[in-house]
Amino acid sequence: MALGKTARSVIGRTLHYAGLLLFAIFTAFPFIWALSVGLSQDPSNIWIFPRAFWPTDPSISWFIRVFHEMPFMTYLGNSALMSFWAVVGVTVVSVLAGYPLARLKFAGRNFIFVAIIATMMLPSEVALVPNFITMKHLGLLNTWTGAILPNIAGAFGIFLMRQAFEAVPQDLIDAARVDGATELQIMWRIMVPVCAPSIAALAIFTLVNEWNDYLWPSIVLNSKDKLPLAVGVFNDLTGPFATSTSLVMAAIVMTIIPVLIFFAFTQRYFVSGLDGAVK
């Protein structure tokens, strides 16, 4: 009986890890294929499955050519700058909006929260024209401010922070109020430190979205020296005048690597932050 239970446990674990391995391969295979094509000096096998997943005549020559074919470091710096200010803006707005929705009592609070959440049901494309007209009247076309500003007030960030603030025990807030703390002091000195994992998760989400954002920056920015990586790589290396698929794949891999490194160092904050928000 004991042996049977052990055997079932082993089989269950084997199936569990096999499923996780298959899912990991399924989700990672586009990156693995792009990496293999970028490392293949000989591009003759890049369309042959599964041969394309092993580099042919491995070399980093395509990665070196990326620096000669386009201003990669300029695009990289633009993406880093835009992502940093987007993270700062989204975090501040989400905290300031999430706290009163979670902890303050006022008329229409639930209606406002539902209205904010309802915007998540709309595709982002519906906001392109209104945002473009607004940026034009504000004189912010072809500026980084115009590229960042529409992304700062997001329903997801407000929802995440509201859920995190609601999970904080009420006794902690009551004790601060008894000591004479104002609502602003309670928010910044108590709620924000307690909810730091959720704020870190929001920051990571925002950075990844901003780093990979293509559509809005491609509309509002038209100066080459202001383009982020996603737009710059597409404009310079794709289209009818594209010189090589291997060169495009090498540029794509170089675009993804900074985000992967950042996520590798911050994933524990990401997981713990989402876990706290869901509870």
Protein backbone atom coordinates (compact mmCIF):
# COMPACT_ATOMS: atom_id res chain seq x y z
CA MET A 1 0.00 0.00 0.00
CA ALA A 2 2.87 2.31 1.00
CA LEU A 3 4.76 1.39 -2.17
CA GLY A 4 1.69 2.12 -4.27
CA LYS A 5 1.32 5.54 -2.65
CA THR A 6 4.99 6.30 -3.29
CA ALA A 7 4.70 5.19 -6.89
CA ARG A 8 1.67 7.43 -7.43
CA SER A 9 3.56 10.33 -5.90
CA VAL A 10 6.54 9.75 -8.21
CA ILE A 11 4.28 9.47 -11.28
CA GLY A 12 2.41 12.61 -10.26
CA ARG A 13 5.62 14.60 -9.84
CA THR A 14 6.97 13.28 -13.14
CA LEU A 15 3.82 14.34 -15.01
CA HIS A 16 3.83 17.69 -13.20
CA TYR A 17 7.40 18.53 -14.20
CA ALA A 18 6.92 17.12 -17.70
CA GLY A 19 3.94 19.45 -18.17
CA LEU A 20 5.94 22.42 -16.90
CA LEU A 21 8.84 21.52 -19.21
CA LEU A 22 6.55 21.28 -22.25
CA PHE A 23 4.93 24.61 -21.38
CA ALA A 24 8.36 26.24 -20.98
CA ILE A 25 9.49 24.91 -24.37
CA PHE A 26 6.25 26.08 -26.01
CA THR A 27 6.53 29.62 -24.63
CA ALA A 28 10.29 29.95 -25.13
CA PHE A 29 10.64 28.43 -28.60
CA PRO A 30 10.32 31.79 -30.50
CA PHE A 31 13.23 33.20 -28.48
CA ILE A 32 15.25 30.00 -28.88
CA TRP A 33 14.65 30.06 -32.65
CA ALA A 34 15.59 33.74 -32.91
CA LEU A 35 18.76 33.12 -30.87
CA SER A 36 19.72 30.14 -33.04
CA VAL A 37 19.17 32.11 -36.28
CA GLY A 38 21.14 35.08 -34.91
CA LEU A 39 24.05 32.79 -34.02
CA SER A 40 24.04 30.99 -37.40
CA GLN A 41 26.73 32.32 -39.70
CA ASP A 42 25.21 30.18 -42.47
CA PRO A 43 21.51 31.20 -42.85
CA SER A 44 20.58 28.34 -45.23
CA ASN A 45 18.88 26.22 -42.53
CA ILE A 46 16.89 28.86 -40.66
CA TRP A 47 13.57 27.80 -42.26
CA ILE A 48 14.08 24.04 -41.76
CA PHE A 49 12.32 22.56 -38.71
CA PRO A 50 13.75 21.40 -36.30
CA ARG A 51 17.20 22.00 -37.81
CA ALA A 52 16.80 25.76 -37.32
CA PHE A 53 16.95 25.34 -33.55
CA TRP A 54 20.65 24.49 -33.72
CA PRO A 55 23.04 27.22 -34.97
CA THR A 56 24.80 26.46 -38.26
CA ASP A 57 28.47 27.49 -38.17
CA PRO A 58 27.99 29.44 -34.85
CA SER A 59 29.22 33.02 -34.82
CA ILE A 60 28.37 36.39 -33.29
CA SER A 61 28.99 38.26 -36.53
CA TRP A 62 25.28 39.13 -36.98
CA PHE A 63 25.18 40.64 -33.49
CA ILE A 64 28.24 42.76 -34.30
CA ARG A 65 26.66 43.91 -37.57
CA VAL A 66 23.62 45.22 -35.65
CA PHE A 67 25.82 48.01 -34.24
CA HIS A 68 26.97 48.94 -37.77
CA GLU A 69 23.54 48.78 -39.44
CA MET A 70 21.62 50.94 -36.92
CA PRO A 71 22.21 53.29 -33.92
CA PHE A 72 21.46 50.50 -31.47
CA MET A 73 22.93 52.20 -28.40
CA THR A 74 20.89 55.36 -29.08
CA TYR A 75 17.69 53.32 -29.27
CA LEU A 76 18.72 51.42 -26.13
CA GLY A 77 19.24 54.65 -24.19
CA ASN A 78 15.90 56.04 -25.39
CA SER A 79 14.07 52.88 -24.28
CA ALA A 80 15.79 52.95 -20.87
CA LEU A 81 14.91 56.63 -20.33
CA MET A 82 11.28 56.24 -21.43
CA SER A 83 10.82 53.07 -19.37
CA PHE A 84 12.27 54.71 -16.24
CA TRP A 85 9.94 57.71 -16.35
CA ALA A 86 6.96 55.51 -17.23
CA VAL A 87 7.67 53.34 -14.16
CA VAL A 88 7.92 56.44 -11.94
CA GLY A 89 4.72 57.95 -13.34
CA VAL A 90 2.64 54.78 -13.23
CA THR A 91 3.76 53.96 -9.69
CA VAL A 92 2.95 57.43 -8.31
CA VAL A 93 -0.44 57.66 -10.06
CA SER A 94 -1.46 54.12 -9.10
CA VAL A 95 -0.54 54.60 -5.43
CA LEU A 96 -2.32 57.97 -5.23
CA ALA A 97 -5.45 56.53 -6.90
CA GLY A 98 -5.42 53.12 -5.21
CA TYR A 99 -5.20 54.32 -1.61
CA PRO A 100 -8.42 56.39 -1.47
CA LEU A 101 -10.30 53.72 -3.41
CA ALA A 102 -9.20 51.11 -0.87
CA ARG A 103 -9.27 52.96 2.45
CA LEU A 104 -11.28 56.18 2.29
CA LYS A 105 -15.05 56.39 2.53
CA PHE A 106 -16.68 58.78 0.05
CA ALA A 107 -19.74 58.86 -2.17
CA GLY A 108 -19.37 57.13 -5.53
CA ARG A 109 -16.20 55.24 -4.57
CA ASN A 110 -17.40 51.90 -5.93
CA PHE A 111 -18.80 53.52 -9.07
CA ILE A 112 -15.46 55.22 -9.77
CA PHE A 113 -13.59 51.95 -9.26
CA VAL A 114 -15.95 50.04 -11.57
CA ALA A 115 -15.62 52.79 -14.20
CA ILE A 116 -11.82 52.53 -14.01
CA ILE A 117 -11.91 48.73 -14.26
CA ALA A 118 -14.32 48.95 -17.22
CA THR A 119 -11.62 50.71 -19.24
CA MET A 120 -9.62 47.47 -19.11
CA MET A 121 -12.27 45.87 -21.33
CA LEU A 122 -11.57 48.33 -24.15
CA PRO A 123 -8.80 47.67 -26.69
CA SER A 124 -5.97 50.16 -26.41
CA GLU A 125 -6.43 51.12 -30.08
CA VAL A 126 -9.62 53.07 -29.32
CA ALA A 127 -7.55 55.66 -27.44
CA LEU A 128 -5.08 56.31 -30.26
CA VAL A 129 -7.00 59.08 -32.02
CA PRO A 130 -8.11 60.97 -28.84
CA ASN A 131 -4.60 60.72 -27.42
CA PHE A 132 -3.02 61.93 -30.65
CA ILE A 133 -5.35 64.94 -30.83
CA THR A 134 -4.69 65.73 -27.16
CA MET A 135 -0.91 65.52 -27.60
CA LYS A 136 -1.14 67.71 -30.69
CA HIS A 137 -3.03 70.46 -28.84
CA LEU A 138 -0.57 70.23 -25.93
CA GLY A 139 2.35 70.57 -28.33
CA LEU A 140 3.79 67.23 -27.24
CA LEU A 141 4.03 65.44 -30.58
CA ASN A 142 7.50 64.06 -31.30
CA THR A 143 8.48 64.35 -27.62
CA TRP A 144 9.24 61.68 -25.03
CA THR A 145 6.65 63.29 -22.75
CA GLY A 146 4.00 62.75 -25.41
CA ALA A 147 5.11 59.13 -25.80
CA ILE A 148 5.00 58.43 -22.04
CA LEU A 149 2.11 60.53 -20.72
CA PRO A 150 -0.88 58.51 -22.10
CA ASN A 151 0.50 55.31 -20.53
CA ILE A 152 0.84 56.67 -16.99
CA ALA A 153 -2.78 56.40 -15.79
CA GLY A 154 -3.55 52.71 -16.25
CA ALA A 155 -6.49 50.77 -14.81
CA PHE A 156 -4.36 47.71 -14.10
CA GLY A 157 -1.97 49.61 -11.83
CA ILE A 158 -4.81 51.23 -9.90
CA PHE A 159 -6.53 47.85 -9.50
CA LEU A 160 -3.30 46.19 -8.31
CA MET A 161 -2.58 48.87 -5.73
CA ARG A 162 -6.17 48.98 -4.47
CA GLN A 163 -6.11 45.24 -3.83
CA ALA A 164 -2.75 45.52 -2.07
CA PHE A 165 -3.89 48.39 0.18
CA GLU A 166 -7.09 46.54 1.08
CA ALA A 167 -5.03 43.60 2.35
CA VAL A 168 -3.33 45.75 5.03
CA PRO A 169 -4.92 45.24 8.51
CA GLN A 170 -7.23 48.08 9.57
CA ASP A 171 -5.68 48.07 13.08
CA LEU A 172 -2.42 49.40 11.63
CA ILE A 173 -4.21 52.38 10.08
CA ASP A 174 -6.30 53.04 13.21
CA ALA A 175 -3.15 53.09 15.36
CA ALA A 176 -1.55 55.66 13.05
CA ARG A 177 -4.69 57.83 13.15
CA VAL A 178 -4.73 57.69 16.95
CA ASP A 179 -1.12 58.92 16.92
CA GLY A 180 -2.23 61.93 14.86
CA ALA A 181 -0.96 60.92 11.41
CA THR A 182 -2.67 62.49 8.40
CA GLU A 183 -3.98 60.37 5.53
CA LEU A 184 -1.02 61.38 3.36
CA GLN A 185 1.42 60.35 6.11
CA ILE A 186 -0.40 57.04 6.57
CA MET A 187 -0.19 56.36 2.85
CA TRP A 188 3.52 57.18 2.35
CA ARG A 189 4.97 56.08 5.72
CA ILE A 190 2.87 52.99 6.43
CA MET A 191 0.93 51.70 3.42
CA VAL A 192 3.63 52.17 0.79
CA PRO A 193 6.40 50.34 2.76
CA VAL A 194 4.01 47.52 3.71
CA CYS A 195 2.90 47.12 0.07
CA ALA A 196 6.42 47.39 -1.37
CA PRO A 197 6.29 43.91 -3.05
CA SER A 198 3.11 44.87 -4.94
CA ILE A 199 4.66 48.20 -5.98
CA ALA A 200 7.74 46.32 -7.20
CA ALA A 201 5.52 43.96 -9.23
CA LEU A 202 3.72 46.94 -10.76
CA ALA A 203 7.07 48.54 -11.63
CA ILE A 204 8.25 45.36 -13.36
CA PHE A 205 4.99 45.02 -15.30
CA THR A 206 5.21 48.66 -16.39
CA LEU A 207 8.84 48.41 -17.45
CA VAL A 208 8.21 45.33 -19.61
CA ASN A 209 5.15 46.91 -21.25
CA GLU A 210 6.91 50.21 -21.90
CA TRP A 211 10.05 48.48 -23.20
CA ASN A 212 8.04 46.44 -25.71
CA ASP A 213 5.57 49.20 -26.64
CA TYR A 214 5.60 49.78 -30.38
CA LEU A 215 2.31 51.21 -31.65
CA TRP A 216 1.98 54.49 -29.72
CA PRO A 217 5.68 55.55 -29.91
CA SER A 218 5.67 54.80 -33.65
CA ILE A 219 2.73 57.21 -34.05
CA VAL A 220 3.81 60.09 -31.83
CA LEU A 221 7.59 60.02 -32.48
CA ASN A 222 9.07 60.73 -35.91
CA SER A 223 12.65 61.81 -35.13
CA LYS A 224 15.12 58.96 -35.51
CA ASP A 225 17.19 60.05 -32.52
CA LYS A 226 14.15 59.77 -30.21
CA LEU A 227 12.91 56.31 -31.20
CA PRO A 228 12.89 53.45 -28.65
CA LEU A 229 14.32 50.02 -29.48
CA ALA A 230 11.08 48.37 -30.62
CA VAL A 231 10.33 51.09 -33.17
CA GLY A 232 13.94 51.67 -34.24
CA VAL A 233 14.67 47.99 -34.90
CA PHE A 234 11.49 47.58 -36.91
CA ASN A 235 12.05 50.73 -38.99
CA ASP A 236 15.72 50.07 -39.72
CA LEU A 237 15.86 46.32 -40.26
CA THR A 238 12.51 45.22 -41.69
CA GLY A 239 10.43 45.92 -44.78
CA PRO A 240 11.25 45.43 -48.47
CA PHE A 241 14.82 46.70 -47.99
CA ALA A 242 15.67 44.31 -45.15
CA THR A 243 19.18 42.99 -45.69
CA SER A 244 19.01 39.72 -43.72
CA THR A 245 16.66 37.68 -41.56
CA SER A 246 19.63 36.69 -39.40
CA LEU A 247 20.40 40.35 -38.77
CA VAL A 248 16.80 41.02 -37.71
CA MET A 249 16.82 38.01 -35.37
CA ALA A 250 20.11 39.11 -33.79
CA ALA A 251 18.65 42.60 -33.17
CA ILE A 252 15.48 41.10 -31.65
CA VAL A 253 17.51 38.96 -29.26
CA MET A 254 19.58 41.99 -28.22
CA THR A 255 16.34 43.89 -27.63
CA ILE A 256 14.96 41.20 -25.33
CA ILE A 257 18.10 40.47 -23.29
CA PRO A 258 17.98 43.64 -21.06
CA VAL A 259 14.42 42.82 -19.99
CA LEU A 260 15.33 39.18 -19.30
CA ILE A 261 18.27 40.24 -17.12
CA PHE A 262 16.09 42.72 -15.23
CA PHE A 263 13.36 40.13 -14.70
CA ALA A 264 15.86 37.48 -13.55
CA PHE A 265 17.02 39.76 -10.73
CA THR A 266 13.53 40.95 -9.71
CA GLN A 267 11.30 37.90 -10.27
CA ARG A 268 10.93 37.16 -6.53
CA TYR A 269 9.46 40.65 -5.99
CA PHE A 270 7.20 40.09 -9.00
CA VAL A 271 5.80 36.80 -7.68
CA SER A 272 5.42 37.95 -4.06
CA GLY A 273 3.83 41.23 -5.16
CA LEU A 274 1.21 39.56 -7.32
CA ASP A 275 0.53 37.01 -4.59
CA GLY A 276 -0.14 39.78 -2.07
CA ALA A 277 -2.36 41.68 -4.49
CA VAL A 278 -4.45 38.62 -5.34
CA LYS A 279 -5.04 37.85 -1.65
